[in-house]
Amino acid sequence: MDEQTLRLVEAELNTLTSPGAELHRNAAWATYVPEQPLPTDRLRYQRVLLDELLAEGADEIEKSGLAAIITAGPPGAGKTTTRKSLDMGGPGWRVIDADEIKVRLLDDAVQEGRFDSLLTRRLADGYSIMPNELSTLVHNESVDLASRLIERCLEAQENVVIEGTLSWEGLPNRYLKWLELNDYNSVTLLDIEVDQATALEQAYLRWSEGRIGTINGTHIRGGRFTPKDAITTLYDSTGGFSKCNRNAVDFFNSRTTTGFDTLELLVKTQENTEIQTYRRLVGKHTGPPPQYLQDTYARTTGPDDRARKD
């Protein structure tokens, strides 16, 4: 399939997932909309699913380390790939990822026939909408379930990897509260940053590969679709720096982190292949504290440099 046709399909899906449209995360088709009550059978389903998720691999999860790894960075930045390449969060760690919960929710919805009429709709390439292209409809529920799963795993004092973007400003304080309440002593933040153009292209490539692969019989469900505005709203006006980095730095620099024996922040950007590491021991910085990438860039380059880069 040629790229022009794929771009037309991408544009269709961006329209369908926009505010007020059928596939928006708060649309009538969504499995959960915040502030709206859930039917009793859906609440029961969520409880069962949470119990199933907690039971998976429970015997292998270590609980003595009181350690947590939290990822940050925009979609498509390569957070999971980088984490695995650094051998962080391997055997013995509970990995919690809302995107993986999305897959479970979508599979269940497809089996129930919940989205049957949507999955028969054809797009610009002549093929139907695919299950992973309906990820927005389970987005709210997957985030809510991931949050509840994180809280329960921290209460159990498991070694956890919290996969996510850290894009919501309220998350640092929420995680800090839960970690301190449950006596965690080692926390690592892994912030992988790319600019807006790269994030958009990576999201497109991941989605299009899945769609083409499903058409050719080498994939199932299609590619997970990330709406354009879910990425662009993470960035400042230059498109160079995400709010994920600001939240990671705020987490690290917070005055409430003095209870951790060790707190680390690892930052990797596309301009610098070396990972910049910051560390606090019992609240004290072992070197200069991290700054927002936006501020660091402003001090080391001038307007002319930025213009040439863009």
C-alpha atoms as a PDB file:
ATOM      1  CA  MET A   1       0.000   0.000   0.000  1.00  0.00           C
ATOM      2  CA  ASP A   2       1.378   3.422  -0.922  1.00  0.00           C
ATOM      3  CA  GLU A   3       2.055   6.044   1.740  1.00  0.00           C
ATOM      4  CA  GLN A   4      -0.398   8.532   0.249  1.00  0.00           C
ATOM      5  CA  THR A   5      -3.267   6.118   0.901  1.00  0.00           C
ATOM      6  CA  LEU A   6      -1.993   5.367   4.400  1.00  0.00           C
ATOM      7  CA  ARG A   7      -1.863   9.077   5.152  1.00  0.00           C
ATOM      8  CA  LEU A   8      -5.489   9.393   4.044  1.00  0.00           C
ATOM      9  CA  VAL A   9      -6.456   6.607   6.451  1.00  0.00           C
ATOM     10  CA  GLU A  10      -4.436   8.296   9.200  1.00  0.00           C
ATOM     11  CA  ALA A  11      -6.312  11.555   8.552  1.00  0.00           C
ATOM     12  CA  GLU A  12      -9.654   9.717   8.718  1.00  0.00           C
ATOM     13  CA  LEU A  13      -8.774   8.189  12.069  1.00  0.00           C
ATOM     14  CA  ASN A  14      -7.596  11.539  13.418  1.00  0.00           C
ATOM     15  CA  THR A  15     -10.976  13.000  12.453  1.00  0.00           C
ATOM     16  CA  LEU A  16     -12.868  10.083  13.998  1.00  0.00           C
ATOM     17  CA  THR A  17     -10.927  10.386  17.280  1.00  0.00           C
ATOM     18  CA  SER A  18     -11.258  14.170  17.575  1.00  0.00           C
ATOM     19  CA  PRO A  19     -13.438  15.777  20.303  1.00  0.00           C
ATOM     20  CA  GLY A  20     -17.124  15.103  19.661  1.00  0.00           C
ATOM     21  CA  ALA A  21     -16.444  12.372  17.097  1.00  0.00           C
ATOM     22  CA  GLU A  22     -17.406   8.706  17.364  1.00  0.00           C
ATOM     23  CA  LEU A  23     -14.022   7.342  18.395  1.00  0.00           C
ATOM     24  CA  HIS A  24     -13.041  10.061  20.859  1.00  0.00           C
ATOM     25  CA  ARG A  25     -12.091   8.776  24.306  1.00  0.00           C
ATOM     26  CA  ASN A  26     -15.241  10.348  25.811  1.00  0.00           C
ATOM     27  CA  ALA A  27     -17.639   9.290  23.037  1.00  0.00           C
ATOM     28  CA  ALA A  28     -20.757   7.229  23.626  1.00  0.00           C
ATOM     29  CA  TRP A  29     -18.880   4.153  22.407  1.00  0.00           C
ATOM     30  CA  ALA A  30     -16.207   4.513  25.116  1.00  0.00           C
ATOM     31  CA  THR A  31     -16.140   1.805  27.766  1.00  0.00           C
ATOM     32  CA  TYR A  32     -15.667   4.375  30.527  1.00  0.00           C
ATOM     33  CA  VAL A  33     -16.060   8.142  30.748  1.00  0.00           C
ATOM     34  CA  PRO A  34     -14.793   9.870  33.897  1.00  0.00           C
ATOM     35  CA  GLU A  35     -17.487  11.179  36.259  1.00  0.00           C
ATOM     36  CA  GLN A  36     -20.100   8.953  34.655  1.00  0.00           C
ATOM     37  CA  PRO A  37     -21.379   5.974  36.713  1.00  0.00           C
ATOM     38  CA  LEU A  38     -20.585   2.489  35.472  1.00  0.00           C
ATOM     39  CA  PRO A  39     -23.160  -0.303  35.296  1.00  0.00           C
ATOM     40  CA  THR A  40     -22.869  -2.960  37.982  1.00  0.00           C
ATOM     41  CA  ASP A  41     -21.797  -5.612  35.495  1.00  0.00           C
ATOM     42  CA  ARG A  42     -18.936  -3.392  34.288  1.00  0.00           C
ATOM     43  CA  LEU A  43     -17.756  -2.783  37.836  1.00  0.00           C
ATOM     44  CA  ARG A  44     -17.818  -6.520  38.417  1.00  0.00           C
ATOM     45  CA  TYR A  45     -15.838  -7.076  35.209  1.00  0.00           C
ATOM     46  CA  GLN A  46     -13.203  -4.559  36.320  1.00  0.00           C
ATOM     47  CA  ARG A  47     -12.791  -6.253  39.703  1.00  0.00           C
ATOM     48  CA  VAL A  48     -12.307  -9.635  38.040  1.00  0.00           C
ATOM     49  CA  LEU A  49      -9.830  -8.207  35.523  1.00  0.00           C
ATOM     50  CA  LEU A  50      -7.800  -6.516  38.270  1.00  0.00           C
ATOM     51  CA  ASP A  51      -7.643  -9.755  40.218  1.00  0.00           C
ATOM     52  CA  GLU A  52      -6.488 -11.576  37.078  1.00  0.00           C
ATOM     53  CA  LEU A  53      -3.792  -8.981  36.400  1.00  0.00           C
ATOM     54  CA  LEU A  54      -2.560  -9.156  39.992  1.00  0.00           C
ATOM     55  CA  ALA A  55      -2.424 -12.949  39.866  1.00  0.00           C
ATOM     56  CA  GLU A  56      -0.336 -13.064  36.675  1.00  0.00           C
ATOM     57  CA  GLY A  57       3.254 -13.818  37.646  1.00  0.00           C
ATOM     58  CA  ALA A  58       2.587 -12.948  41.294  1.00  0.00           C
ATOM     59  CA  ASP A  59       4.802 -15.785  42.577  1.00  0.00           C
ATOM     60  CA  GLU A  60       7.789 -14.366  40.667  1.00  0.00           C
ATOM     61  CA  ILE A  61       7.480 -10.740  41.798  1.00  0.00           C
ATOM     62  CA  GLU A  62      10.072  -9.623  44.365  1.00  0.00           C
ATOM     63  CA  LYS A  63       8.785  -7.691  47.357  1.00  0.00           C
ATOM     64  CA  SER A  64      11.953  -7.170  49.357  1.00  0.00           C
ATOM     65  CA  GLY A  65      13.590  -4.468  47.249  1.00  0.00           C
ATOM     66  CA  LEU A  66      11.013  -1.699  47.764  1.00  0.00           C
ATOM     67  CA  ALA A  67      12.096  -0.386  44.373  1.00  0.00           C
ATOM     68  CA  ALA A  68      10.201   1.350  41.599  1.00  0.00           C
ATOM     69  CA  ILE A  69      11.008   2.416  38.036  1.00  0.00           C
ATOM     70  CA  ILE A  70       8.843   5.091  36.403  1.00  0.00           C
ATOM     71  CA  THR A  71       9.122   5.931  32.716  1.00  0.00           C
ATOM     72  CA  ALA A  72       8.446   9.340  31.188  1.00  0.00           C
ATOM     73  CA  GLY A  73       8.427  10.682  27.659  1.00  0.00           C
ATOM     74  CA  PRO A  74       6.047  11.128  24.718  1.00  0.00           C
ATOM     75  CA  PRO A  75       4.523   8.217  22.777  1.00  0.00           C
ATOM     76  CA  GLY A  76       6.957   6.788  20.258  1.00  0.00           C
ATOM     77  CA  ALA A  77      10.063   7.964  22.091  1.00  0.00           C
ATOM     78  CA  GLY A  78      11.335   4.421  22.692  1.00  0.00           C
ATOM     79  CA  LYS A  79      10.866   4.209  26.459  1.00  0.00           C
ATOM     80  CA  THR A  80      10.297   0.454  26.685  1.00  0.00           C
ATOM     81  CA  THR A  81      13.082  -0.319  24.215  1.00  0.00           C
ATOM     82  CA  THR A  82      15.546   1.847  26.143  1.00  0.00           C
ATOM     83  CA  ARG A  83      14.499   0.421  29.503  1.00  0.00           C
ATOM     84  CA  LYS A  84      15.031  -3.129  28.294  1.00  0.00           C
ATOM     85  CA  SER A  85      18.360  -2.256  26.677  1.00  0.00           C
ATOM     86  CA  LEU A  86      19.504  -0.950  30.073  1.00  0.00           C
ATOM     87  CA  ASP A  87      18.356  -4.197  31.706  1.00  0.00           C
ATOM     88  CA  MET A  88      15.966  -2.322  33.960  1.00  0.00           C
ATOM     89  CA  GLY A  89      12.902  -4.063  35.335  1.00  0.00           C
ATOM     90  CA  GLY A  90      13.575  -7.636  34.241  1.00  0.00           C
ATOM     91  CA  PRO A  91      12.587 -10.865  36.032  1.00  0.00           C
ATOM     92  CA  GLY A  92      11.185 -10.262  39.491  1.00  0.00           C
ATOM     93  CA  TRP A  93       9.578  -6.936  38.565  1.00  0.00           C
ATOM     94  CA  ARG A  94       5.911  -6.207  38.025  1.00  0.00           C
ATOM     95  CA  VAL A  95       5.513  -4.224  34.782  1.00  0.00           C
ATOM     96  CA  ILE A  96       2.340  -2.125  34.680  1.00  0.00           C
ATOM     97  CA  ASP A  97       1.473  -0.619  31.307  1.00  0.00           C
ATOM     98  CA  ALA A  98      -1.904   0.932  30.460  1.00  0.00           C
ATOM     99  CA  ASP A  99      -1.280   0.117  26.781  1.00  0.00           C
ATOM    100  CA  GLU A 100      -1.125  -3.592  27.611  1.00  0.00           C
ATOM    101  CA  ILE A 101      -4.384  -3.277  29.526  1.00  0.00           C
ATOM    102  CA  LYS A 102      -5.874  -1.636  26.420  1.00  0.00           C
ATOM    103  CA  VAL A 103      -5.155  -4.823  24.468  1.00  0.00           C
ATOM    104  CA  ARG A 104      -7.023  -6.902  27.075  1.00  0.00           C
ATOM    105  CA  LEU A 105      -9.990  -4.524  27.061  1.00  0.00           C
ATOM    106  CA  LEU A 106     -10.148  -4.449  23.271  1.00  0.00           C
ATOM    107  CA  ASP A 107      -9.967  -8.241  22.982  1.00  0.00           C
ATOM    108  CA  ASP A 108     -12.835  -8.602  25.442  1.00  0.00           C
ATOM    109  CA  ALA A 109     -14.894  -5.941  23.659  1.00  0.00           C
ATOM    110  CA  VAL A 110     -14.374  -7.624  20.293  1.00  0.00           C
ATOM    111  CA  GLN A 111     -15.352 -11.027  21.688  1.00  0.00           C
ATOM    112  CA  GLU A 112     -18.515  -9.524  23.162  1.00  0.00           C
ATOM    113  CA  GLY A 113     -19.366  -7.869  19.850  1.00  0.00           C
ATOM    114  CA  ARG A 114     -19.390  -4.444  21.495  1.00  0.00           C
ATOM    115  CA  PHE A 115     -17.735  -2.725  18.517  1.00  0.00           C
ATOM    116  CA  ASP A 116     -19.122  -4.870  15.687  1.00  0.00           C
ATOM    117  CA  SER A 117     -20.689  -1.989  13.769  1.00  0.00           C
ATOM    118  CA  LEU A 118     -17.481   0.034  14.009  1.00  0.00           C
ATOM    119  CA  LEU A 119     -15.271  -2.823  12.851  1.00  0.00           C
ATOM    120  CA  THR A 120     -17.219  -3.158   9.601  1.00  0.00           C
ATOM    121  CA  ARG A 121     -16.636   0.468   8.607  1.00  0.00           C
ATOM    122  CA  ARG A 122     -14.267   0.798   5.663  1.00  0.00           C
ATOM    123  CA  LEU A 123     -11.613   3.466   5.439  1.00  0.00           C
ATOM    124  CA  ALA A 124      -9.839   5.125   2.502  1.00  0.00           C
ATOM    125  CA  ASP A 125      -7.726   2.063   1.691  1.00  0.00           C
ATOM    126  CA  GLY A 126     -10.810  -0.128   1.296  1.00  0.00           C
ATOM    127  CA  TYR A 127     -10.188  -2.106   4.482  1.00  0.00           C
ATOM    128  CA  SER A 128     -12.174  -1.986   7.689  1.00  0.00           C
ATOM    129  CA  ILE A 129     -11.306  -0.308  10.957  1.00  0.00           C
ATOM    130  CA  MET A 130      -9.202  -2.718  13.027  1.00  0.00           C
ATOM    131  CA  PRO A 131      -9.454  -3.420  16.788  1.00  0.00           C
ATOM    132  CA  ASN A 132      -6.276  -1.581  17.828  1.00  0.00           C
ATOM    133  CA  GLU A 133      -7.514   1.467  15.946  1.00  0.00           C
ATOM    134  CA  LEU A 134     -10.284   1.673  18.548  1.00  0.00           C
ATOM    135  CA  SER A 135      -7.783   2.113  21.395  1.00  0.00           C
ATOM    136  CA  THR A 136      -9.193   5.552  22.212  1.00  0.00           C
ATOM    137  CA  LEU A 137     -12.498   3.952  23.226  1.00  0.00           C
ATOM    138  CA  VAL A 138     -10.796   2.019  26.032  1.00  0.00           C
ATOM    139  CA  HIS A 139      -8.240   4.698  26.892  1.00  0.00           C
ATOM    140  CA  ASN A 140      -9.993   6.089  29.968  1.00  0.00           C
ATOM    141  CA  GLU A 141     -10.732   2.666  31.371  1.00  0.00           C
ATOM    142  CA  SER A 142      -7.197   1.387  30.789  1.00  0.00           C
ATOM    143  CA  VAL A 143      -5.684   4.419  32.556  1.00  0.00           C
ATOM    144  CA  ASP A 144      -8.074   4.044  35.480  1.00  0.00           C
ATOM    145  CA  LEU A 145      -7.372   0.318  35.822  1.00  0.00           C
ATOM    146  CA  ALA A 146      -3.613   0.875  35.548  1.00  0.00           C
ATOM    147  CA  SER A 147      -3.802   3.459  38.339  1.00  0.00           C
ATOM    148  CA  ARG A 148      -5.721   1.093  40.593  1.00  0.00           C
ATOM    149  CA  LEU A 149      -3.295  -1.715  39.769  1.00  0.00           C
ATOM    150  CA  ILE A 150      -0.313   0.503  40.613  1.00  0.00           C
ATOM    151  CA  GLU A 151      -1.824   1.435  43.968  1.00  0.00           C
ATOM    152  CA  ARG A 152      -2.488  -2.188  44.887  1.00  0.00           C
ATOM    153  CA  CYS A 153       0.969  -3.355  43.814  1.00  0.00           C
ATOM    154  CA  LEU A 154       2.628  -0.593  45.820  1.00  0.00           C
ATOM    155  CA  GLU A 155       0.519  -1.516  48.833  1.00  0.00           C
ATOM    156  CA  ALA A 156       1.891  -5.053  48.404  1.00  0.00           C
ATOM    157  CA  GLN A 157       5.407  -3.517  48.237  1.00  0.00           C
ATOM    158  CA  GLU A 158       6.238  -5.207  44.963  1.00  0.00           C
ATOM    159  CA  ASN A 159       9.157  -4.150  42.789  1.00  0.00           C
ATOM    160  CA  VAL A 160       7.313  -2.294  40.049  1.00  0.00           C
ATOM    161  CA  VAL A 161       7.906  -0.750  36.644  1.00  0.00           C
ATOM    162  CA  ILE A 162       5.310   1.923  35.882  1.00  0.00           C
ATOM    163  CA  GLU A 163       5.260   2.367  32.118  1.00  0.00           C
ATOM    164  CA  GLY A 164       3.797   5.622  30.895  1.00  0.00           C
ATOM    165  CA  THR A 165       4.422   9.133  29.649  1.00  0.00           C
ATOM    166  CA  LEU A 166       4.166  10.977  33.002  1.00  0.00           C
ATOM    167  CA  SER A 167       2.372  13.688  31.039  1.00  0.00           C
ATOM    168  CA  TRP A 168      -0.322  14.527  33.588  1.00  0.00           C
ATOM    169  CA  GLU A 169       0.822  17.185  36.057  1.00  0.00           C
ATOM    170  CA  GLY A 170      -0.881  15.432  38.973  1.00  0.00           C
ATOM    171  CA  LEU A 171       0.985  12.137  38.590  1.00  0.00           C
ATOM    172  CA  PRO A 172       4.266  13.075  40.321  1.00  0.00           C
ATOM    173  CA  ASN A 173       2.475  13.987  43.552  1.00  0.00           C
ATOM    174  CA  ARG A 174       0.202  10.939  43.330  1.00  0.00           C
ATOM    175  CA  TYR A 175       3.128   8.558  42.844  1.00  0.00           C
ATOM    176  CA  LEU A 176       5.201  10.268  45.526  1.00  0.00           C
ATOM    177  CA  LYS A 177       2.360   9.884  48.016  1.00  0.00           C
ATOM    178  CA  TRP A 178       1.872   6.182  47.267  1.00  0.00           C
ATOM    179  CA  LEU A 179       5.593   5.388  47.259  1.00  0.00           C
ATOM    180  CA  GLU A 180       6.267   7.123  50.552  1.00  0.00           C
ATOM    181  CA  LEU A 181       3.152   5.690  52.185  1.00  0.00           C
ATOM    182  CA  ASN A 182       4.390   2.179  51.381  1.00  0.00           C
ATOM    183  CA  ASP A 183       8.003   2.760  52.491  1.00  0.00           C
ATOM    184  CA  TYR A 184       9.739   2.516  49.115  1.00  0.00           C
ATOM    185  CA  ASN A 185      13.406   3.430  49.328  1.00  0.00           C
ATOM    186  CA  SER A 186      14.687   3.233  45.732  1.00  0.00           C
ATOM    187  CA  VAL A 187      13.052   5.079  42.834  1.00  0.00           C
ATOM    188  CA  THR A 188      14.357   5.540  39.301  1.00  0.00           C
ATOM    189  CA  LEU A 189      12.838   7.871  36.698  1.00  0.00           C
ATOM    190  CA  LEU A 190      13.656   7.073  33.073  1.00  0.00           C
ATOM    191  CA  ASP A 191      12.832  10.019  30.802  1.00  0.00           C
ATOM    192  CA  ILE A 192      13.244   9.416  27.056  1.00  0.00           C
ATOM    193  CA  GLU A 193      12.647  12.532  24.983  1.00  0.00           C
ATOM    194  CA  VAL A 194      12.148  13.194  21.278  1.00  0.00           C
ATOM    195  CA  ASP A 195      10.751  16.235  19.513  1.00  0.00           C
ATOM    196  CA  GLN A 196       7.161  16.461  18.336  1.00  0.00           C
ATOM    197  CA  ALA A 197       7.916  15.669  14.693  1.00  0.00           C
ATOM    198  CA  THR A 198       9.762  12.486  15.666  1.00  0.00           C
ATOM    199  CA  ALA A 199       7.017  11.392  18.073  1.00  0.00           C
ATOM    200  CA  LEU A 200       4.367  11.876  15.387  1.00  0.00           C
ATOM    201  CA  GLU A 201       6.390   9.959  12.806  1.00  0.00           C
ATOM    202  CA  GLN A 202       7.133   7.096  15.195  1.00  0.00           C
ATOM    203  CA  ALA A 203       3.450   6.827  16.111  1.00  0.00           C
ATOM    204  CA  TYR A 204       2.555   6.776  12.404  1.00  0.00           C
ATOM    205  CA  LEU A 205       5.110   4.077  11.621  1.00  0.00           C
ATOM    206  CA  ARG A 206       3.970   1.870  14.517  1.00  0.00           C
ATOM    207  CA  TRP A 207       0.335   2.175  13.467  1.00  0.00           C
ATOM    208  CA  SER A 208       0.879   1.772   9.709  1.00  0.00           C
ATOM    209  CA  GLU A 209       3.126  -1.258  10.153  1.00  0.00           C
ATOM    210  CA  GLY A 210       0.402  -2.949  12.179  1.00  0.00           C
ATOM    211  CA  ARG A 211      -2.329  -2.101   9.683  1.00  0.00           C
ATOM    212  CA  ILE A 212      -0.333  -3.297   6.684  1.00  0.00           C
ATOM    213  CA  GLY A 213       0.772  -6.390   8.575  1.00  0.00           C
ATOM    214  CA  THR A 214      -2.813  -7.287   9.441  1.00  0.00           C
ATOM    215  CA  ILE A 215      -3.875  -6.855   5.818  1.00  0.00           C
ATOM    216  CA  ASN A 216      -1.005  -9.137   4.766  1.00  0.00           C
ATOM    217  CA  GLY A 217      -1.717 -11.690   7.492  1.00  0.00           C
ATOM    218  CA  THR A 218       1.450 -11.162   9.542  1.00  0.00           C
ATOM    219  CA  HIS A 219      -0.190  -9.156  12.362  1.00  0.00           C
ATOM    220  CA  ILE A 220      -3.449  -9.268  14.264  1.00  0.00           C
ATOM    221  CA  ARG A 221      -5.690  -6.432  15.547  1.00  0.00           C
ATOM    222  CA  GLY A 222      -3.984  -3.803  13.337  1.00  0.00           C
ATOM    223  CA  GLY A 223      -1.643  -1.121  14.649  1.00  0.00           C
ATOM    224  CA  ARG A 224      -2.389   0.841  17.808  1.00  0.00           C
ATOM    225  CA  PHE A 225      -3.543   4.282  16.723  1.00  0.00           C
ATOM    226  CA  THR A 226      -2.493   7.348  18.711  1.00  0.00           C
ATOM    227  CA  PRO A 227      -4.449  10.493  17.778  1.00  0.00           C
ATOM    228  CA  LYS A 228      -2.309  13.389  16.618  1.00  0.00           C
ATOM    229  CA  ASP A 229      -3.586  15.720  19.319  1.00  0.00           C
ATOM    230  CA  ALA A 230      -2.661  13.198  22.014  1.00  0.00           C
ATOM    231  CA  ILE A 231       0.938  13.918  21.019  1.00  0.00           C
ATOM    232  CA  THR A 232       0.885  17.596  20.045  1.00  0.00           C
ATOM    233  CA  THR A 233      -0.751  18.638  23.339  1.00  0.00           C
ATOM    234  CA  LEU A 234       2.332  17.326  25.169  1.00  0.00           C
ATOM    235  CA  TYR A 235       4.636  19.909  23.578  1.00  0.00           C
ATOM    236  CA  ASP A 236       5.486  23.557  23.911  1.00  0.00           C
ATOM    237  CA  SER A 237       5.053  25.988  21.012  1.00  0.00           C
ATOM    238  CA  THR A 238       8.417  25.026  19.484  1.00  0.00           C
ATOM    239  CA  GLY A 239       7.532  21.334  19.316  1.00  0.00           C
ATOM    240  CA  GLY A 240      10.919  20.592  20.804  1.00  0.00           C
ATOM    241  CA  PHE A 241      10.212  19.852  24.449  1.00  0.00           C
ATOM    242  CA  SER A 242       7.494  17.838  26.152  1.00  0.00           C
ATOM    243  CA  LYS A 243       5.715  18.375  29.457  1.00  0.00           C
ATOM    244  CA  CYS A 244       6.800  14.813  30.319  1.00  0.00           C
ATOM    245  CA  ASN A 245      10.312  16.135  30.948  1.00  0.00           C
ATOM    246  CA  ARG A 246       9.014  18.946  33.130  1.00  0.00           C
ATOM    247  CA  ASN A 247       7.028  16.496  35.247  1.00  0.00           C
ATOM    248  CA  ALA A 248       9.989  14.128  35.578  1.00  0.00           C
ATOM    249  CA  VAL A 249      12.248  16.983  36.707  1.00  0.00           C
ATOM    250  CA  ASP A 250       9.580  18.248  39.121  1.00  0.00           C
ATOM    251  CA  PHE A 251       9.270  14.758  40.587  1.00  0.00           C
ATOM    252  CA  PHE A 252      13.016  14.480  41.064  1.00  0.00           C
ATOM    253  CA  ASN A 253      13.440  17.949  42.551  1.00  0.00           C
ATOM    254  CA  SER A 254      10.430  17.719  44.851  1.00  0.00           C
ATOM    255  CA  ARG A 255      11.049  18.525  48.505  1.00  0.00           C
ATOM    256  CA  THR A 256       8.963  15.497  49.468  1.00  0.00           C
ATOM    257  CA  THR A 257      11.486  12.984  48.081  1.00  0.00           C
ATOM    258  CA  THR A 258      13.741  13.102  51.132  1.00  0.00           C
ATOM    259  CA  GLY A 259      12.340   9.796  52.370  1.00  0.00           C
ATOM    260  CA  PHE A 260      13.948   7.760  49.583  1.00  0.00           C
ATOM    261  CA  ASP A 261      17.385   6.284  50.182  1.00  0.00           C
ATOM    262  CA  THR A 262      18.115   6.589  46.456  1.00  0.00           C
ATOM    263  CA  LEU A 263      16.354   8.629  43.793  1.00  0.00           C
ATOM    264  CA  GLU A 264      17.684   8.673  40.232  1.00  0.00           C
ATOM    265  CA  LEU A 265      16.657  10.515  37.095  1.00  0.00           C
ATOM    266  CA  LEU A 266      17.956   9.251  33.760  1.00  0.00           C
ATOM    267  CA  VAL A 267      17.380  11.552  30.782  1.00  0.00           C
ATOM    268  CA  LYS A 268      18.047  10.631  27.165  1.00  0.00           C
ATOM    269  CA  THR A 269      17.396  12.925  24.202  1.00  0.00           C
ATOM    270  CA  GLN A 270      17.644  12.316  20.473  1.00  0.00           C
ATOM    271  CA  GLU A 271      20.436  14.907  20.232  1.00  0.00           C
ATOM    272  CA  ASN A 272      22.567  13.136  22.831  1.00  0.00           C
ATOM    273  CA  THR A 273      22.930   9.355  22.812  1.00  0.00           C
ATOM    274  CA  GLU A 274      24.528   9.439  26.251  1.00  0.00           C
ATOM    275  CA  ILE A 275      22.151   9.205  29.166  1.00  0.00           C
ATOM    276  CA  GLN A 276      22.411  12.041  31.661  1.00  0.00           C
ATOM    277  CA  THR A 277      22.118  10.703  35.212  1.00  0.00           C
ATOM    278  CA  TYR A 278      21.093  12.676  38.291  1.00  0.00           C
ATOM    279  CA  ARG A 279      21.045  11.242  41.782  1.00  0.00           C
ATOM    280  CA  ARG A 280      19.777  12.124  45.249  1.00  0.00           C
ATOM    281  CA  LEU A 281      20.801  10.173  48.346  1.00  0.00           C
ATOM    282  CA  VAL A 282      18.408  10.577  51.285  1.00  0.00           C
ATOM    283  CA  GLY A 283      17.191  13.774  49.663  1.00  0.00           C
ATOM    284  CA  LYS A 284      20.590  15.340  48.998  1.00  0.00           C
ATOM    285  CA  HIS A 285      21.728  15.987  45.433  1.00  0.00           C
ATOM    286  CA  THR A 286      25.034  14.337  44.564  1.00  0.00           C
ATOM    287  CA  GLY A 287      25.654  16.890  41.821  1.00  0.00           C
ATOM    288  CA  PRO A 288      23.941  19.796  40.071  1.00  0.00           C
ATOM    289  CA  PRO A 289      20.144  19.297  40.026  1.00  0.00           C
ATOM    290  CA  PRO A 290      18.464  18.725  36.662  1.00  0.00           C
ATOM    291  CA  GLN A 291      16.845  21.564  34.766  1.00  0.00           C
ATOM    292  CA  TYR A 292      14.012  21.467  32.275  1.00  0.00           C
ATOM    293  CA  LEU A 293      15.373  20.577  28.841  1.00  0.00           C
ATOM    294  CA  GLN A 294      13.649  23.664  27.463  1.00  0.00           C
ATOM    295  CA  ASP A 295      15.593  25.909  29.842  1.00  0.00           C
ATOM    296  CA  THR A 296      18.854  24.062  29.235  1.00  0.00           C
ATOM    297  CA  TYR A 297      18.456  24.431  25.475  1.00  0.00           C
ATOM    298  CA  ALA A 298      17.685  28.152  25.814  1.00  0.00           C
ATOM    299  CA  ARG A 299      20.946  28.727  27.704  1.00  0.00           C
ATOM    300  CA  THR A 300      23.156  26.787  25.315  1.00  0.00           C
ATOM    301  CA  THR A 301      21.743  27.961  21.973  1.00  0.00           C
ATOM    302  CA  GLY A 302      20.579  31.233  20.536  1.00  0.00           C
ATOM    303  CA  PRO A 303      17.611  32.103  18.316  1.00  0.00           C
ATOM    304  CA  ASP A 304      19.737  31.740  15.187  1.00  0.00           C
ATOM    305  CA  ASP A 305      20.770  28.225  16.208  1.00  0.00           C
ATOM    306  CA  ARG A 306      17.141  27.271  16.765  1.00  0.00           C
ATOM    307  CA  ALA A 307      16.134  28.644  13.397  1.00  0.00           C
ATOM    308  CA  ARG A 308      18.854  26.665  11.652  1.00  0.00           C
ATOM    309  CA  LYS A 309      17.837  23.476  13.494  1.00  0.00           C
ATOM    310  CA  ASP A 310      14.175  23.905  12.557  1.00  0.00           C
END
